């Protein structure tokens, strides 16, 4: 189980409009790079890449 200090709460922002639509957790030890997920943006009305802010 991950320690509390290794788990970060991060915001995901749409790469096209820049709005912060989602929040998720990321383990600092397992993922060193920035998180990029394809999620639905309700302002763009399509699936876009959401990057960690």
N, C-alpha and C. Protein backbone atom coordinates (compact mmCIF):
# COMPACT_ATOMS: atom_id res chain seq x y z
N UNK A 1 0.83 -1.17 0.00
CA UNK A 1 0.00 0.00 0.00
C UNK A 1 0.88 1.24 0.00
N UNK A 2 0.45 2.27 -0.73
CA UNK A 2 1.25 3.48 -0.87
C UNK A 2 1.17 4.33 0.39
N UNK A 3 2.28 4.98 0.69
CA UNK A 3 2.28 5.91 1.81
C UNK A 3 1.52 7.15 1.42
N UNK A 4 1.03 7.87 2.41
CA UNK A 4 0.26 9.08 2.13
C UNK A 4 1.11 10.18 1.50
N UNK A 5 2.40 10.25 1.86
CA UNK A 5 3.23 11.32 1.32
C UNK A 5 3.68 11.06 -0.12
N UNK A 6 3.51 9.83 -0.63
CA UNK A 6 3.86 9.52 -2.01
C UNK A 6 2.70 9.73 -2.97
N UNK A 7 1.49 9.88 -2.48
CA UNK A 7 0.31 10.03 -3.33
C UNK A 7 -0.05 11.52 -3.43
N UNK A 8 -0.14 12.01 -4.67
CA UNK A 8 -0.47 13.41 -4.91
C UNK A 8 -1.86 13.52 -5.52
N UNK A 9 -2.57 14.57 -5.19
CA UNK A 9 -3.83 14.89 -5.85
C UNK A 9 -3.49 15.92 -6.93
N UNK A 10 -3.81 15.58 -8.19
CA UNK A 10 -3.45 16.45 -9.31
C UNK A 10 -4.71 16.84 -10.08
N UNK A 11 -4.64 18.01 -10.73
CA UNK A 11 -5.71 18.48 -11.59
C UNK A 11 -5.34 18.18 -13.03
N UNK A 12 -6.34 17.83 -13.82
CA UNK A 12 -6.13 17.58 -15.25
C UNK A 12 -6.81 18.69 -16.04
N UNK A 13 -6.04 19.35 -16.91
CA UNK A 13 -6.55 20.45 -17.71
C UNK A 13 -6.63 20.02 -19.17
N UNK A 14 -7.66 20.47 -19.84
CA UNK A 14 -7.84 20.19 -21.27
C UNK A 14 -6.73 20.87 -22.05
N UNK A 15 -6.15 20.16 -23.01
CA UNK A 15 -5.05 20.72 -23.79
C UNK A 15 -5.54 21.74 -24.83
N UNK A 16 -6.83 21.72 -25.15
CA UNK A 16 -7.34 22.64 -26.16
C UNK A 16 -7.92 23.92 -25.56
N UNK A 17 -8.81 23.79 -24.58
CA UNK A 17 -9.42 24.99 -24.00
C UNK A 17 -8.75 25.43 -22.70
N UNK A 18 -8.01 24.54 -22.05
CA UNK A 18 -7.26 24.91 -20.85
C UNK A 18 -8.04 24.83 -19.55
N UNK A 19 -9.30 24.41 -19.61
CA UNK A 19 -10.10 24.30 -18.39
C UNK A 19 -9.71 23.08 -17.58
N UNK A 20 -9.75 23.22 -16.26
CA UNK A 20 -9.42 22.12 -15.37
C UNK A 20 -10.69 21.36 -15.05
N UNK A 21 -10.87 20.21 -15.70
CA UNK A 21 -12.12 19.46 -15.63
C UNK A 21 -12.09 18.32 -14.64
N UNK A 22 -10.93 17.73 -14.41
CA UNK A 22 -10.85 16.50 -13.62
C UNK A 22 -9.78 16.61 -12.55
N UNK A 23 -9.96 15.83 -11.47
CA UNK A 23 -8.98 15.68 -10.40
C UNK A 23 -8.76 14.19 -10.20
N UNK A 24 -7.51 13.80 -9.97
CA UNK A 24 -7.18 12.40 -9.77
C UNK A 24 -5.96 12.31 -8.87
N UNK A 25 -5.60 11.09 -8.49
CA UNK A 25 -4.42 10.89 -7.67
C UNK A 25 -3.33 10.24 -8.50
N UNK A 26 -2.09 10.50 -8.11
CA UNK A 26 -0.94 9.96 -8.81
C UNK A 26 0.10 9.57 -7.78
N UNK A 27 0.67 8.36 -7.93
CA UNK A 27 1.73 7.92 -7.04
C UNK A 27 3.06 8.50 -7.53
N UNK A 28 3.73 9.21 -6.67
CA UNK A 28 4.96 9.90 -7.03
C UNK A 28 6.09 8.93 -7.36
N UNK A 29 6.13 7.76 -6.73
CA UNK A 29 7.20 6.81 -6.97
C UNK A 29 7.01 6.03 -8.27
N UNK A 30 5.79 5.69 -8.62
CA UNK A 30 5.54 4.89 -9.82
C UNK A 30 5.55 5.71 -11.09
N UNK A 31 5.11 6.96 -11.04
CA UNK A 31 5.04 7.82 -12.22
C UNK A 31 5.86 9.08 -11.98
N UNK A 32 6.96 9.18 -12.67
CA UNK A 32 7.83 10.35 -12.53
C UNK A 32 7.42 11.46 -13.49
N UNK A 33 6.87 11.10 -14.65
CA UNK A 33 6.51 12.10 -15.65
C UNK A 33 5.09 12.62 -15.41
N UNK A 34 4.73 13.66 -16.14
CA UNK A 34 3.40 14.25 -16.02
C UNK A 34 2.35 13.31 -16.60
N UNK A 35 1.19 13.28 -15.98
CA UNK A 35 0.12 12.39 -16.38
C UNK A 35 -0.66 13.01 -17.55
N UNK A 36 -0.92 12.23 -18.59
CA UNK A 36 -1.71 12.67 -19.74
C UNK A 36 -2.75 11.59 -20.02
N UNK A 37 -4.03 11.97 -19.97
CA UNK A 37 -5.13 11.05 -20.21
C UNK A 37 -6.07 11.63 -21.24
N UNK A 38 -6.68 10.76 -22.03
CA UNK A 38 -7.73 11.20 -22.96
C UNK A 38 -9.06 11.14 -22.25
N UNK A 39 -9.65 12.30 -22.00
CA UNK A 39 -10.91 12.40 -21.27
C UNK A 39 -11.88 13.26 -22.07
N UNK A 40 -13.16 13.22 -21.68
CA UNK A 40 -14.19 14.02 -22.35
C UNK A 40 -14.22 15.42 -21.74
N UNK A 41 -14.18 16.43 -22.59
CA UNK A 41 -14.29 17.83 -22.16
C UNK A 41 -15.68 18.32 -22.54
N UNK A 42 -16.47 18.74 -21.55
CA UNK A 42 -17.84 19.15 -21.85
C UNK A 42 -17.92 20.52 -22.50
N UNK A 43 -16.85 21.31 -22.43
CA UNK A 43 -16.85 22.61 -23.10
C UNK A 43 -16.44 22.47 -24.57
N UNK A 44 -15.51 21.56 -24.86
CA UNK A 44 -15.12 21.29 -26.25
C UNK A 44 -16.07 20.30 -26.91
N UNK A 45 -16.83 19.56 -26.10
CA UNK A 45 -17.79 18.55 -26.55
C UNK A 45 -17.15 17.42 -27.34
N UNK A 46 -15.96 16.98 -26.89
CA UNK A 46 -15.29 15.83 -27.50
C UNK A 46 -14.19 15.34 -26.58
N UNK A 47 -13.63 14.20 -26.93
CA UNK A 47 -12.52 13.64 -26.16
C UNK A 47 -11.22 14.34 -26.56
N UNK A 48 -10.50 14.86 -25.58
CA UNK A 48 -9.22 15.54 -25.82
C UNK A 48 -8.20 15.04 -24.80
N UNK A 49 -6.96 15.37 -25.04
CA UNK A 49 -5.90 15.03 -24.09
C UNK A 49 -5.97 15.98 -22.90
N UNK A 50 -5.97 15.44 -21.71
CA UNK A 50 -5.96 16.23 -20.49
C UNK A 50 -4.63 16.01 -19.80
N UNK A 51 -3.90 17.09 -19.53
CA UNK A 51 -2.57 17.01 -18.95
C UNK A 51 -2.58 17.44 -17.50
N UNK A 52 -1.66 16.89 -16.75
CA UNK A 52 -1.53 17.23 -15.32
C UNK A 52 -1.05 18.67 -15.17
N UNK A 53 -1.68 19.38 -14.25
CA UNK A 53 -1.30 20.77 -13.98
C UNK A 53 -0.68 20.85 -12.61
